[in-house]
Amino acid sequence: MKTTSGYGTADLGLIAFTMGEIQGFCVTENVYMQVCDPQTGAPLPAGEVGEVVVTLYNPSYPLIRFGTGDLGVLAPTPDPATGGRQQLLGLFGRSGEAVKVRGMFMHPNQLRMAFMRYTGVVAGYQAVITRPDNRDNVTLRVALHEGAQGGDALAAELRQAVEVAARLKVDAVEFVTPDALDPNGRTVQDARTWE
């Protein structure tokens, strides 16, 4: 049996797929892909890392220059095995603050909404995404105001609030001291390693 991997989004459907021994992905025929500067939207030369921007040639659902938020690199010269189609050499993270977890995006605004009613208790928070045993794991790191009490009941409340806001299962809640959270760090930290 041969297996393949696909790259796609809910809006675009299948964009590219792995094929044989070529590096990365072969872009589907109904897609024109650009790699663009995430700040300006200007197309970058092949071989440079930028945001994957897709134009979808579909008469019933056309999309023009749809920014996926993913960082990727197009091959300067596609492998002949692609049959003349574009070759996406790989994906290298996200250009924005949102992080894809189990196929869904977790955005800092979702956490802000979830923690809004806990401002009297919660001094700071961060979601950390890891990948033990090839499964995405979401841990909430929560700092409490001085004198506030953590515990199982509060952890369960915070977990439920985030799960409702982000539509993602939270695997653990960890109470930390306020100085354990970097005030300039990302609210959603992707600490996964891909091997």
N, C-alpha and C. Protein backbone atom coordinates (compact mmCIF):
# COMPACT_ATOMS: atom_id res chain seq x y z
N MET A 1 0.84 -1.17 0.00
CA MET A 1 0.00 0.00 0.00
C MET A 1 0.89 1.24 0.00
N LYS A 2 0.55 2.21 -0.82
CA LYS A 2 1.25 3.49 -0.83
C LYS A 2 0.39 4.52 -0.12
N THR A 3 1.05 5.35 0.68
CA THR A 3 0.31 6.43 1.35
C THR A 3 0.92 7.76 0.93
N THR A 4 0.13 8.81 1.09
CA THR A 4 0.58 10.15 0.76
C THR A 4 0.05 11.11 1.80
N SER A 5 0.64 12.27 1.88
CA SER A 5 0.16 13.31 2.79
C SER A 5 -0.39 14.45 1.96
N GLY A 6 -1.38 15.12 2.47
CA GLY A 6 -1.96 16.25 1.78
C GLY A 6 -1.77 17.52 2.59
N TYR A 7 -1.74 18.65 1.89
CA TYR A 7 -1.70 19.97 2.53
C TYR A 7 -2.91 20.72 2.04
N GLY A 8 -3.73 21.19 2.97
CA GLY A 8 -4.93 21.92 2.59
C GLY A 8 -5.47 22.73 3.75
N THR A 9 -6.52 23.48 3.47
CA THR A 9 -7.20 24.27 4.49
C THR A 9 -8.71 24.06 4.33
N ALA A 10 -9.45 24.45 5.34
CA ALA A 10 -10.90 24.33 5.27
C ALA A 10 -11.46 25.19 4.14
N ASP A 11 -10.85 26.37 3.88
CA ASP A 11 -11.35 27.27 2.84
C ASP A 11 -10.98 26.80 1.43
N LEU A 12 -9.78 26.26 1.28
CA LEU A 12 -9.26 25.94 -0.04
C LEU A 12 -9.41 24.49 -0.44
N GLY A 13 -9.56 23.60 0.52
CA GLY A 13 -9.53 22.18 0.22
C GLY A 13 -8.08 21.74 0.03
N LEU A 14 -7.88 20.71 -0.77
CA LEU A 14 -6.54 20.19 -1.02
C LEU A 14 -5.75 21.17 -1.88
N ILE A 15 -4.56 21.55 -1.41
CA ILE A 15 -3.69 22.48 -2.12
C ILE A 15 -2.53 21.74 -2.78
N ALA A 16 -1.96 20.78 -2.05
CA ALA A 16 -0.77 20.07 -2.53
C ALA A 16 -0.71 18.71 -1.85
N PHE A 17 0.13 17.85 -2.39
CA PHE A 17 0.26 16.49 -1.85
C PHE A 17 1.67 15.98 -2.06
N THR A 18 2.08 15.04 -1.20
CA THR A 18 3.39 14.43 -1.38
C THR A 18 3.29 13.44 -2.53
N MET A 19 4.45 13.25 -3.20
CA MET A 19 4.43 12.40 -4.38
C MET A 19 5.78 11.71 -4.54
N GLY A 20 5.78 10.39 -4.45
CA GLY A 20 7.00 9.64 -4.68
C GLY A 20 8.14 10.13 -3.81
N GLU A 21 9.27 10.37 -4.44
CA GLU A 21 10.48 10.75 -3.72
C GLU A 21 10.78 12.25 -3.80
N ILE A 22 9.86 13.07 -4.35
CA ILE A 22 10.17 14.49 -4.45
C ILE A 22 10.14 15.14 -3.07
N GLN A 23 10.93 16.18 -2.89
CA GLN A 23 10.95 16.90 -1.62
C GLN A 23 9.69 17.73 -1.50
N GLY A 24 9.07 17.70 -0.33
CA GLY A 24 7.91 18.55 -0.06
C GLY A 24 6.66 18.07 -0.75
N PHE A 25 5.97 19.02 -1.41
CA PHE A 25 4.65 18.76 -1.97
C PHE A 25 4.57 19.15 -3.44
N CYS A 26 3.75 18.44 -4.18
CA CYS A 26 3.39 18.80 -5.55
C CYS A 26 2.07 19.58 -5.46
N VAL A 27 2.04 20.78 -6.02
CA VAL A 27 0.85 21.64 -5.96
C VAL A 27 -0.18 21.14 -6.97
N THR A 28 -1.46 21.09 -6.57
CA THR A 28 -2.51 20.59 -7.46
C THR A 28 -2.70 21.51 -8.66
N GLU A 29 -3.29 20.98 -9.71
CA GLU A 29 -3.41 21.70 -10.98
C GLU A 29 -4.34 22.91 -10.91
N ASN A 30 -5.32 22.90 -10.01
CA ASN A 30 -6.29 24.01 -9.96
C ASN A 30 -5.84 25.13 -9.01
N VAL A 31 -4.56 25.11 -8.61
CA VAL A 31 -4.03 26.08 -7.66
C VAL A 31 -2.83 26.81 -8.26
N TYR A 32 -2.80 28.13 -8.08
CA TYR A 32 -1.58 28.89 -8.36
C TYR A 32 -1.07 29.38 -7.02
N MET A 33 0.17 29.01 -6.70
CA MET A 33 0.73 29.33 -5.39
C MET A 33 1.82 30.38 -5.52
N GLN A 34 1.80 31.33 -4.59
CA GLN A 34 2.88 32.30 -4.45
C GLN A 34 3.40 32.22 -3.02
N VAL A 35 4.65 32.59 -2.83
CA VAL A 35 5.20 32.76 -1.50
C VAL A 35 5.50 34.25 -1.38
N CYS A 36 4.89 34.89 -0.36
CA CYS A 36 4.91 36.35 -0.27
C CYS A 36 5.47 36.82 1.07
N ASP A 37 5.94 38.08 1.05
CA ASP A 37 6.41 38.72 2.28
C ASP A 37 5.19 38.87 3.19
N PRO A 38 5.24 38.33 4.42
CA PRO A 38 4.07 38.41 5.31
C PRO A 38 3.67 39.84 5.68
N GLN A 39 4.61 40.78 5.65
CA GLN A 39 4.30 42.17 6.02
C GLN A 39 3.69 42.95 4.87
N THR A 40 4.25 42.81 3.66
CA THR A 40 3.82 43.63 2.53
C THR A 40 2.88 42.91 1.56
N GLY A 41 2.91 41.58 1.55
CA GLY A 41 2.12 40.82 0.59
C GLY A 41 2.79 40.70 -0.77
N ALA A 42 3.97 41.29 -0.93
CA ALA A 42 4.68 41.24 -2.22
C ALA A 42 5.25 39.84 -2.45
N PRO A 43 5.10 39.31 -3.68
CA PRO A 43 5.66 37.99 -3.99
C PRO A 43 7.18 37.98 -3.82
N LEU A 44 7.67 36.86 -3.29
CA LEU A 44 9.11 36.67 -3.11
C LEU A 44 9.65 35.72 -4.17
N PRO A 45 10.94 35.81 -4.48
CA PRO A 45 11.52 34.87 -5.44
C PRO A 45 11.45 33.44 -4.93
N ALA A 46 11.35 32.48 -5.83
CA ALA A 46 11.37 31.06 -5.46
C ALA A 46 12.65 30.79 -4.68
N GLY A 47 12.53 29.95 -3.66
CA GLY A 47 13.67 29.63 -2.82
C GLY A 47 13.71 30.41 -1.53
N GLU A 48 12.88 31.45 -1.39
CA GLU A 48 12.84 32.25 -0.15
C GLU A 48 11.61 31.86 0.68
N VAL A 49 11.76 31.94 2.00
CA VAL A 49 10.66 31.62 2.91
C VAL A 49 9.72 32.80 3.01
N GLY A 50 8.42 32.52 2.90
CA GLY A 50 7.40 33.55 3.04
C GLY A 50 6.05 32.90 3.26
N GLU A 51 5.00 33.74 3.32
CA GLU A 51 3.65 33.22 3.54
C GLU A 51 3.12 32.58 2.26
N VAL A 52 2.52 31.41 2.40
CA VAL A 52 1.90 30.72 1.27
C VAL A 52 0.60 31.44 0.93
N VAL A 53 0.51 31.94 -0.31
CA VAL A 53 -0.67 32.66 -0.80
C VAL A 53 -1.19 31.89 -2.02
N VAL A 54 -2.48 31.59 -2.01
CA VAL A 54 -3.04 30.69 -3.02
C VAL A 54 -4.16 31.38 -3.80
N THR A 55 -4.12 31.20 -5.12
CA THR A 55 -5.25 31.56 -5.98
C THR A 55 -5.86 30.25 -6.45
N LEU A 56 -7.16 30.09 -6.24
CA LEU A 56 -7.86 28.85 -6.53
C LEU A 56 -8.70 29.03 -7.80
N TYR A 57 -8.42 28.21 -8.80
CA TYR A 57 -9.18 28.26 -10.06
C TYR A 57 -10.36 27.30 -9.95
N ASN A 58 -11.43 27.79 -9.39
CA ASN A 58 -12.63 26.99 -9.23
C ASN A 58 -13.81 27.90 -9.58
N PRO A 59 -14.49 27.66 -10.71
CA PRO A 59 -15.57 28.57 -11.13
C PRO A 59 -16.69 28.73 -10.11
N SER A 60 -16.94 27.70 -9.30
CA SER A 60 -18.03 27.81 -8.33
C SER A 60 -17.58 28.41 -6.99
N TYR A 61 -16.26 28.47 -6.76
CA TYR A 61 -15.75 29.04 -5.51
C TYR A 61 -14.35 29.60 -5.74
N PRO A 62 -14.24 30.67 -6.53
CA PRO A 62 -12.91 31.21 -6.81
C PRO A 62 -12.37 32.00 -5.61
N LEU A 63 -11.09 31.86 -5.35
CA LEU A 63 -10.41 32.65 -4.33
C LEU A 63 -9.15 33.23 -4.97
N ILE A 64 -8.93 34.51 -4.76
CA ILE A 64 -7.77 35.17 -5.36
C ILE A 64 -6.85 35.66 -4.25
N ARG A 65 -5.61 35.21 -4.28
CA ARG A 65 -4.56 35.58 -3.33
C ARG A 65 -5.01 35.39 -1.88
N PHE A 66 -5.41 34.19 -1.56
CA PHE A 66 -5.84 33.83 -0.21
C PHE A 66 -4.59 33.51 0.62
N GLY A 67 -4.34 34.30 1.67
CA GLY A 67 -3.19 34.07 2.54
C GLY A 67 -3.50 32.98 3.55
N THR A 68 -2.73 31.91 3.52
CA THR A 68 -2.97 30.79 4.42
C THR A 68 -2.42 31.02 5.82
N GLY A 69 -1.42 31.91 5.94
CA GLY A 69 -0.76 32.11 7.22
C GLY A 69 0.39 31.14 7.45
N ASP A 70 0.53 30.15 6.57
CA ASP A 70 1.62 29.19 6.69
C ASP A 70 2.86 29.74 6.00
N LEU A 71 4.03 29.41 6.53
CA LEU A 71 5.30 29.80 5.91
C LEU A 71 5.81 28.64 5.08
N GLY A 72 6.20 28.93 3.85
CA GLY A 72 6.70 27.88 2.96
C GLY A 72 7.72 28.42 1.98
N VAL A 73 8.25 27.51 1.14
CA VAL A 73 9.25 27.84 0.13
C VAL A 73 8.87 27.10 -1.16
N LEU A 74 8.84 27.83 -2.28
CA LEU A 74 8.62 27.21 -3.59
C LEU A 74 9.97 26.85 -4.21
N ALA A 75 9.99 25.75 -4.93
CA ALA A 75 11.22 25.32 -5.61
C ALA A 75 11.49 26.25 -6.79
N PRO A 76 12.75 26.73 -6.94
CA PRO A 76 13.09 27.54 -8.12
C PRO A 76 12.84 26.78 -9.42
N THR A 77 13.16 25.50 -9.42
CA THR A 77 12.90 24.63 -10.57
C THR A 77 12.22 23.38 -10.06
N PRO A 78 10.92 23.19 -10.35
CA PRO A 78 10.22 22.01 -9.84
C PRO A 78 10.84 20.71 -10.36
N ASP A 79 10.76 19.69 -9.55
CA ASP A 79 11.23 18.36 -9.93
C ASP A 79 10.45 17.91 -11.17
N PRO A 80 11.12 17.29 -12.15
CA PRO A 80 10.40 16.81 -13.35
C PRO A 80 9.25 15.86 -13.02
N ALA A 81 9.34 15.16 -11.90
CA ALA A 81 8.28 14.22 -11.52
C ALA A 81 6.95 14.91 -11.22
N THR A 82 6.96 16.23 -11.01
CA THR A 82 5.70 16.95 -10.73
C THR A 82 4.88 17.16 -12.00
N GLY A 83 5.45 16.85 -13.14
CA GLY A 83 4.71 17.02 -14.39
C GLY A 83 4.46 18.47 -14.75
N GLY A 84 5.38 19.35 -14.38
CA GLY A 84 5.25 20.76 -14.71
C GLY A 84 4.49 21.58 -13.68
N ARG A 85 4.02 20.93 -12.63
CA ARG A 85 3.30 21.66 -11.57
C ARG A 85 4.29 22.28 -10.60
N GLN A 86 3.81 23.25 -9.83
CA GLN A 86 4.66 23.91 -8.84
C GLN A 86 5.02 22.92 -7.73
N GLN A 87 6.19 23.15 -7.11
CA GLN A 87 6.65 22.30 -6.02
C GLN A 87 6.87 23.13 -4.78
N LEU A 88 6.15 22.81 -3.72
CA LEU A 88 6.32 23.46 -2.42
C LEU A 88 7.33 22.62 -1.65
N LEU A 89 8.51 23.18 -1.39
CA LEU A 89 9.59 22.41 -0.78
C LEU A 89 9.32 22.03 0.67
N GLY A 90 8.51 22.80 1.36
CA GLY A 90 8.19 22.48 2.74
C GLY A 90 7.43 23.57 3.43
N LEU A 91 6.92 23.26 4.61
CA LEU A 91 6.21 24.22 5.45
C LEU A 91 7.04 24.44 6.71
N PHE A 92 7.15 25.70 7.14
CA PHE A 92 8.08 26.05 8.20
C PHE A 92 7.45 26.90 9.30
N GLY A 93 6.20 26.61 9.65
CA GLY A 93 5.56 27.33 10.74
C GLY A 93 4.49 28.28 10.24
N ARG A 94 4.17 29.27 11.09
CA ARG A 94 3.09 30.21 10.81
C ARG A 94 3.63 31.62 10.77
N SER A 95 3.00 32.47 9.96
CA SER A 95 3.44 33.86 9.86
C SER A 95 2.76 34.75 10.88
N GLY A 96 1.61 34.37 11.37
CA GLY A 96 0.88 35.20 12.33
C GLY A 96 0.97 34.64 13.73
N GLU A 97 0.08 35.11 14.59
CA GLU A 97 0.10 34.69 15.98
C GLU A 97 -0.66 33.39 16.20
N ALA A 98 -1.55 33.03 15.29
CA ALA A 98 -2.34 31.81 15.45
C ALA A 98 -1.46 30.59 15.22
N VAL A 99 -1.78 29.52 15.93
CA VAL A 99 -1.05 28.27 15.79
C VAL A 99 -2.06 27.17 15.48
N LYS A 100 -1.75 26.34 14.47
CA LYS A 100 -2.64 25.25 14.11
C LYS A 100 -2.40 24.09 15.06
N VAL A 101 -3.47 23.64 15.71
CA VAL A 101 -3.41 22.55 16.67
C VAL A 101 -4.49 21.55 16.31
N ARG A 102 -4.10 20.32 16.04
CA ARG A 102 -5.06 19.28 15.65
C ARG A 102 -6.01 19.74 14.55
N GLY A 103 -5.48 20.47 13.58
CA GLY A 103 -6.27 20.92 12.44
C GLY A 103 -7.08 22.19 12.66
N MET A 104 -7.07 22.74 13.88
CA MET A 104 -7.80 23.96 14.19
C MET A 104 -6.79 25.04 14.58
N PHE A 105 -7.15 26.30 14.38
CA PHE A 105 -6.26 27.39 14.78
C PHE A 105 -6.60 27.84 16.20
N MET A 106 -5.54 28.01 17.00
CA MET A 106 -5.69 28.62 18.32
C MET A 106 -5.10 30.01 18.22
N HIS A 107 -5.90 31.02 18.51
CA HIS A 107 -5.49 32.42 18.36
C HIS A 107 -5.48 33.09 19.74
N PRO A 108 -4.54 34.02 19.96
CA PRO A 108 -4.51 34.73 21.25
C PRO A 108 -5.83 35.39 21.62
N ASN A 109 -6.60 35.86 20.64
CA ASN A 109 -7.90 36.49 20.94
C ASN A 109 -8.86 35.51 21.59
N GLN A 110 -8.77 34.24 21.20
CA GLN A 110 -9.63 33.23 21.83
C GLN A 110 -9.29 33.09 23.31
N LEU A 111 -8.00 33.12 23.62
CA LEU A 111 -7.60 33.04 25.03
C LEU A 111 -8.03 34.28 25.79
N ARG A 112 -7.88 35.46 25.16
CA ARG A 112 -8.31 36.70 25.81
C ARG A 112 -9.79 36.63 26.19
N MET A 113 -10.60 36.15 25.25
CA MET A 113 -12.04 36.02 25.52
C MET A 113 -12.29 35.04 26.66
N ALA A 114 -11.58 33.92 26.67
CA ALA A 114 -11.80 32.91 27.70
C ALA A 114 -11.41 33.41 29.08
N PHE A 115 -10.32 34.19 29.16
CA PHE A 115 -9.83 34.63 30.47
C PHE A 115 -10.43 35.97 30.92
N MET A 116 -11.25 36.60 30.08
CA MET A 116 -11.79 37.92 30.39
C MET A 116 -12.52 37.97 31.72
N ARG A 117 -13.28 36.97 32.03
CA ARG A 117 -14.06 37.01 33.28
C ARG A 117 -13.24 36.60 34.51
N TYR A 118 -11.95 36.29 34.29
CA TYR A 118 -11.09 35.88 35.41
C TYR A 118 -10.00 36.90 35.71
N THR A 119 -10.17 38.15 35.27
CA THR A 119 -9.12 39.15 35.45
C THR A 119 -8.85 39.45 36.93
N GLY A 120 -9.80 39.24 37.80
CA GLY A 120 -9.57 39.47 39.22
C GLY A 120 -8.70 38.40 39.86
N VAL A 121 -8.60 37.25 39.21
CA VAL A 121 -7.85 36.11 39.74
C VAL A 121 -6.57 35.86 38.93
N VAL A 122 -6.69 35.96 37.61
CA VAL A 122 -5.58 35.58 36.72
C VAL A 122 -4.74 36.81 36.37
N ALA A 123 -3.44 36.71 36.62
CA ALA A 123 -2.51 37.81 36.32
C ALA A 123 -1.89 37.66 34.93
N GLY A 124 -1.83 36.45 34.42
CA GLY A 124 -1.26 36.21 33.10
C GLY A 124 -1.50 34.77 32.68
N TYR A 125 -1.35 34.52 31.38
CA TYR A 125 -1.61 33.17 30.86
C TYR A 125 -0.87 32.96 29.55
N GLN A 126 -0.71 31.72 29.21
CA GLN A 126 -0.04 31.33 27.96
C GLN A 126 -0.47 29.90 27.64
N ALA A 127 -0.70 29.63 26.38
CA ALA A 127 -0.94 28.25 25.93
C ALA A 127 0.35 27.77 25.29
N VAL A 128 0.81 26.59 25.70
CA VAL A 128 2.03 26.00 25.14
C VAL A 128 1.64 24.72 24.42
N ILE A 129 2.02 24.65 23.14
CA ILE A 129 1.69 23.48 22.33
C ILE A 129 2.94 22.61 22.20
N THR A 130 2.83 21.35 22.61
CA THR A 130 3.92 20.39 22.46
C THR A 130 3.39 19.20 21.67
N ARG A 131 4.27 18.26 21.36
CA ARG A 131 3.85 17.11 20.55
C ARG A 131 4.48 15.81 21.06
N PRO A 132 4.18 15.39 22.28
CA PRO A 132 4.71 14.10 22.73
C PRO A 132 3.97 12.96 22.02
N ASP A 133 4.69 11.93 21.67
CA ASP A 133 4.09 10.74 21.03
C ASP A 133 3.29 11.08 19.77
N ASN A 134 3.77 12.09 19.01
CA ASN A 134 3.13 12.49 17.74
C ASN A 134 1.67 12.91 17.91
N ARG A 135 1.35 13.52 19.04
CA ARG A 135 0.00 14.03 19.28
C ARG A 135 0.11 15.43 19.87
N ASP A 136 -0.61 16.39 19.27
CA ASP A 136 -0.58 17.76 19.78
C ASP A 136 -1.15 17.80 21.19
N ASN A 137 -0.45 18.53 22.06
CA ASN A 137 -0.82 18.63 23.46
C ASN A 137 -0.90 20.12 23.83
N VAL A 138 -2.01 20.54 24.43
CA VAL A 138 -2.21 21.93 24.83
C VAL A 138 -2.14 22.04 26.34
N THR A 139 -1.17 22.83 26.83
CA THR A 139 -1.04 23.10 28.26
C THR A 139 -1.24 24.58 28.49
N LEU A 140 -2.14 24.93 29.40
CA LEU A 140 -2.34 26.32 29.79
C LEU A 140 -1.42 26.60 30.98
N ARG A 141 -0.58 27.62 30.85
CA ARG A 141 0.25 28.09 31.96
C ARG A 141 -0.44 29.35 32.48
N VAL A 142 -0.85 29.31 33.74
CA VAL A 142 -1.66 30.39 34.31
C VAL A 142 -0.98 30.94 35.56
N ALA A 143 -0.77 32.26 35.58
CA ALA A 143 -0.24 32.95 36.76
C ALA A 143 -1.40 33.64 37.46
N LEU A 144 -1.46 33.49 38.77
CA LEU A 144 -2.53 34.09 39.55
C LEU A 144 -2.04 35.34 40.28
N HIS A 145 -2.99 36.25 40.56
CA HIS A 145 -2.66 37.42 41.37
C HIS A 145 -2.28 36.96 42.77
N GLU A 146 -1.49 37.78 43.46
CA GLU A 146 -1.07 37.45 44.82
C GLU A 146 -2.30 37.26 45.71
N GLY A 147 -2.30 36.19 46.44
CA GLY A 147 -3.42 35.88 47.33
C GLY A 147 -4.49 35.02 46.70
N ALA A 148 -4.53 34.92 45.37
CA ALA A 148 -5.53 34.10 44.70
C ALA A 148 -5.14 32.62 44.84
N GLN A 149 -6.13 31.77 44.96
CA GLN A 149 -5.89 30.34 45.15
C GLN A 149 -6.19 29.57 43.88
N GLY A 150 -5.23 28.77 43.45
CA GLY A 150 -5.46 27.86 42.34
C GLY A 150 -6.06 26.58 42.90
N GLY A 151 -6.21 25.61 42.09
CA GLY A 151 -6.73 24.32 42.53
C GLY A 151 -7.49 23.64 41.42
N ASP A 152 -7.97 22.45 41.71
CA ASP A 152 -8.64 21.64 40.68
C ASP A 152 -9.90 22.32 40.14
N ALA A 153 -10.67 22.96 41.02
CA ALA A 153 -11.92 23.59 40.57
C ALA A 153 -11.64 24.74 39.61
N LEU A 154 -10.68 25.60 39.96
CA LEU A 154 -10.33 26.72 39.07
C LEU A 154 -9.72 26.20 37.78
N ALA A 155 -8.86 25.19 37.87
CA ALA A 155 -8.25 24.60 36.66
C ALA A 155 -9.32 24.07 35.72
N ALA A 156 -10.33 23.40 36.28
CA ALA A 156 -11.42 22.86 35.45
C ALA A 156 -12.22 23.98 34.80
N GLU A 157 -12.48 25.06 35.53
CA GLU A 157 -13.21 26.21 34.97
C GLU A 157 -12.43 26.85 33.82
N LEU A 158 -11.13 27.07 34.04
CA LEU A 158 -10.30 27.69 33.00
C LEU A 158 -10.19 26.80 31.78
N ARG A 159 -10.03 25.52 32.01
CA ARG A 159 -9.96 24.56 30.90
C ARG A 159 -11.23 24.62 30.06
N GLN A 160 -12.39 24.61 30.73
CA GLN A 160 -13.65 24.65 30.00
C GLN A 160 -13.82 25.96 29.24
N ALA A 161 -13.45 27.08 29.84
CA ALA A 161 -13.58 28.38 29.19
C ALA A 161 -12.75 28.44 27.91
N VAL A 162 -11.53 27.91 27.97
CA VAL A 162 -10.67 27.92 26.78
C VAL A 162 -11.18 26.93 25.73
N GLU A 163 -11.64 25.78 26.16
CA GLU A 163 -12.16 24.79 25.20
C GLU A 163 -13.36 25.33 24.45
N VAL A 164 -14.23 26.08 25.13
CA VAL A 164 -15.40 26.67 24.47
C VAL A 164 -14.95 27.77 23.49
N ALA A 165 -14.02 28.62 23.92
CA ALA A 165 -13.57 29.74 23.08
C ALA A 165 -12.77 29.27 21.87
N ALA A 166 -11.90 28.27 22.06
CA ALA A 166 -10.99 27.85 20.99
C ALA A 166 -11.47 26.59 20.26
N ARG A 167 -12.49 25.92 20.79
CA ARG A 167 -13.00 24.68 20.21
C ARG A 167 -11.89 23.62 20.11
N LEU A 168 -11.02 23.62 21.13
CA LEU A 168 -9.93 22.66 21.21
C LEU A 168 -9.84 22.10 22.62
N LYS A 169 -9.53 20.82 22.73
CA LYS A 169 -9.36 20.19 24.04
C LYS A 169 -8.06 20.70 24.68
N VAL A 170 -8.15 21.06 25.94
CA VAL A 170 -6.98 21.46 26.73
C VAL A 170 -6.55 20.23 27.53
N ASP A 171 -5.27 19.88 27.42
CA ASP A 171 -4.78 18.67 28.07
C ASP A 171 -4.37 18.89 29.52
N ALA A 172 -3.89 20.09 29.85
CA ALA A 172 -3.44 20.34 31.22
C ALA A 172 -3.49 21.83 31.54
N VAL A 173 -3.65 22.12 32.83
CA VAL A 173 -3.56 23.49 33.34
C VAL A 173 -2.47 23.48 34.40
N GLU A 174 -1.52 24.38 34.23
CA GLU A 174 -0.37 24.46 35.14
C GLU A 174 -0.33 25.85 35.76
N PHE A 175 -0.41 25.95 37.07
CA PHE A 175 -0.32 27.24 37.74
C PHE A 175 1.15 27.58 37.95
N VAL A 176 1.55 28.80 37.54
CA VAL A 176 2.94 29.25 37.63
C VAL A 176 2.98 30.60 38.32
N THR A 177 4.18 31.02 38.72
CA THR A 177 4.33 32.36 39.29
C THR A 177 4.32 33.39 38.16
N PRO A 178 3.92 34.63 38.43
CA PRO A 178 3.86 35.64 37.37
C PRO A 178 5.18 35.84 36.64
N ASP A 179 6.31 35.71 37.35
CA ASP A 179 7.59 35.93 36.68
C ASP A 179 7.99 34.76 35.78
N ALA A 180 7.24 33.66 35.81
CA ALA A 180 7.52 32.52 34.93
C ALA A 180 7.02 32.77 33.50
N LEU A 181 6.15 33.79 33.34
CA LEU A 181 5.62 34.12 32.01
C LEU A 181 6.35 35.34 31.47
N ASP A 182 6.91 35.21 30.28
CA ASP A 182 7.60 36.32 29.63
C ASP A 182 6.56 37.32 29.13
N PRO A 183 6.57 38.57 29.63
CA PRO A 183 5.57 39.55 29.20
C PRO A 183 5.65 39.88 27.71
N ASN A 184 6.81 39.62 27.09
CA ASN A 184 6.97 39.87 25.65
C ASN A 184 6.86 38.59 24.83
N GLY A 185 6.58 37.47 25.50
CA GLY A 185 6.48 36.19 24.80
C GLY A 185 5.15 36.04 24.09
N ARG A 186 5.07 35.02 23.27
CA ARG A 186 3.82 34.73 22.55
C ARG A 186 2.77 34.19 23.51
N THR A 187 1.53 34.58 23.28
CA THR A 187 0.42 34.08 24.08
C THR A 187 0.17 32.61 23.77
N VAL A 188 0.31 32.24 22.48
CA VAL A 188 0.22 30.84 22.07
C VAL A 188 1.60 30.45 21.57
N GLN A 189 2.30 29.65 22.36
CA GLN A 189 3.67 29.27 22.02
C GLN A 189 3.70 27.88 21.42
N ASP A 190 4.26 27.78 20.22
CA ASP A 190 4.40 26.49 19.56
C ASP A 190 5.76 25.92 19.93
N ALA A 191 5.78 24.96 20.84
CA ALA A 191 7.03 24.34 21.30
C ALA A 191 7.19 22.93 20.73
N ARG A 192 6.47 22.64 19.64
CA ARG A 192 6.57 21.32 19.03
C ARG A 192 7.89 21.16 18.29
N THR A 193 8.38 19.94 18.24
CA THR A 193 9.53 19.63 17.41
C THR A 193 9.07 18.58 16.40
N TRP A 194 9.56 18.70 15.17
CA TRP A 194 9.14 17.81 14.09
C TRP A 194 10.35 17.00 13.64
N GLU A 195 10.32 15.73 13.94
CA GLU A 195 11.45 14.87 13.57
C GLU A 195 10.99 13.75 12.68
